[in-house]
Amino acid sequence: MGLVRVLLLVAAVAALAYLLHRGLLAMERRGWIYYRTKGTGSMGASAMFSLDEVFHPEGRHVVVEKQEQQLRGSRRQAPGDLPRPGDESDVSDA
């Protein structure tokens, strides 16, 4: 192999690595993967929770209910706010 071929090969590998890096960053921005950021907590704990969910699916409703309660709590209105569309707590039977 000549020197030119080696340099071209090195340049091609570097370009491919850069394109792969940019693609992974784009996927991370869309929330598909965790690439450069750590993510949410321990991956081992997340994997164990997933396995537990597979073998004990009856506990899933507890997790869903807690998430819904947190969502409702974060959407609570301050006094004087206009009612939000679809918020059942502000619907009156008048």
Protein backbone atom coordinates (compact mmCIF):
# COMPACT_ATOMS: atom_id res chain seq x y z
CA MET A 1 0.00 0.00 0.00
CA GLY A 2 1.24 3.39 -0.87
CA LEU A 3 1.32 6.40 1.39
CA VAL A 4 -1.56 8.01 -0.49
CA ARG A 5 -3.78 4.97 0.07
CA VAL A 6 -2.99 4.93 3.80
CA LEU A 7 -3.78 8.63 4.12
CA LEU A 8 -7.05 8.16 2.22
CA LEU A 9 -7.99 5.24 4.46
CA VAL A 10 -7.26 7.24 7.62
CA ALA A 11 -9.28 10.19 6.27
CA ALA A 12 -12.20 7.89 5.39
CA VAL A 13 -12.19 6.29 8.86
CA ALA A 14 -12.07 9.73 10.51
CA ALA A 15 -14.96 10.99 8.34
CA LEU A 16 -17.00 7.88 9.12
CA ALA A 17 -16.36 8.26 12.87
CA TYR A 18 -17.42 11.92 12.70
CA LEU A 19 -20.63 11.08 10.83
CA LEU A 20 -21.42 8.34 13.34
CA HIS A 21 -20.84 10.80 16.20
CA ARG A 22 -23.16 13.40 14.63
CA GLY A 23 -25.82 10.77 14.01
CA LEU A 24 -25.68 9.60 17.61
CA LEU A 25 -25.98 13.20 18.83
CA ALA A 26 -29.05 13.70 16.63
CA MET A 27 -30.64 10.52 18.02
CA GLU A 28 -29.95 11.72 21.57
CA ARG A 29 -31.61 15.09 20.85
CA ARG A 30 -34.74 13.23 19.76
CA GLY A 31 -34.71 11.18 22.95
CA TRP A 32 -34.07 7.84 21.26
CA ILE A 33 -30.80 7.07 23.08
CA TYR A 34 -28.46 8.33 25.79
CA TYR A 35 -25.10 8.98 24.18
CA ARG A 36 -23.16 11.81 25.85
CA THR A 37 -25.44 12.51 28.80
CA LYS A 38 -25.83 10.08 31.64
CA GLY A 39 -29.60 9.84 31.48
CA THR A 40 -31.91 9.30 34.41
CA GLY A 41 -30.30 7.52 37.32
CA SER A 42 -28.79 4.09 37.35
CA MET A 43 -29.15 1.93 34.29
CA GLY A 44 -28.90 -1.21 36.45
CA ALA A 45 -31.86 -0.15 38.57
CA SER A 46 -33.84 0.65 35.44
CA ALA A 47 -33.09 -2.78 34.00
CA MET A 48 -34.12 -4.48 37.24
CA PHE A 49 -37.37 -2.50 37.30
CA SER A 50 -38.08 -3.61 33.73
CA LEU A 51 -37.46 -7.24 34.63
CA ASP A 52 -39.68 -6.92 37.68
CA GLU A 53 -42.41 -5.45 35.49
CA VAL A 54 -42.18 -8.45 33.15
CA PHE A 55 -42.55 -10.99 35.95
CA HIS A 56 -45.01 -8.97 38.10
CA PRO A 57 -47.22 -6.89 35.76
CA GLU A 58 -49.88 -6.35 38.43
CA GLY A 59 -47.74 -3.59 40.00
CA ARG A 60 -47.79 -1.47 36.83
CA HIS A 61 -51.00 0.33 37.79
CA VAL A 62 -49.29 1.74 40.89
CA VAL A 63 -46.55 3.31 38.78
CA VAL A 64 -49.06 4.73 36.30
CA GLU A 65 -51.18 6.22 39.10
CA LYS A 66 -48.14 7.87 40.74
CA GLN A 67 -47.11 9.39 37.41
CA GLU A 68 -50.64 10.71 36.85
CA GLN A 69 -50.71 12.24 40.35
CA GLN A 70 -47.39 13.99 39.70
CA LEU A 71 -48.71 15.30 36.40
CA ARG A 72 -51.91 16.57 38.00
CA GLY A 73 -49.90 18.23 40.76
CA SER A 74 -47.66 20.03 38.27
CA ARG A 75 -50.69 21.32 36.34
CA ARG A 76 -52.35 22.83 39.40
CA GLN A 77 -53.60 26.35 38.76
CA ALA A 78 -52.68 29.43 40.69
CA PRO A 79 -55.49 31.70 41.88
CA GLY A 80 -56.58 34.01 39.06
CA ASP A 81 -55.40 31.72 36.22
CA LEU A 82 -57.78 31.06 33.39
CA PRO A 83 -59.16 27.51 33.22
CA ARG A 84 -57.23 25.18 30.95
CA PRO A 85 -59.08 23.29 28.21
CA GLY A 86 -59.82 19.71 29.21
CA ASP A 87 -59.28 20.28 32.93
CA GLU A 88 -62.18 18.47 34.60
CA SER A 89 -61.64 20.10 37.99
CA ASP A 90 -62.74 23.50 36.63
CA VAL A 91 -65.85 22.33 34.79
CA SER A 92 -69.01 23.60 36.42
CA ASP A 93 -72.50 22.16 35.94
CA ALA A 94 -74.13 25.58 35.53
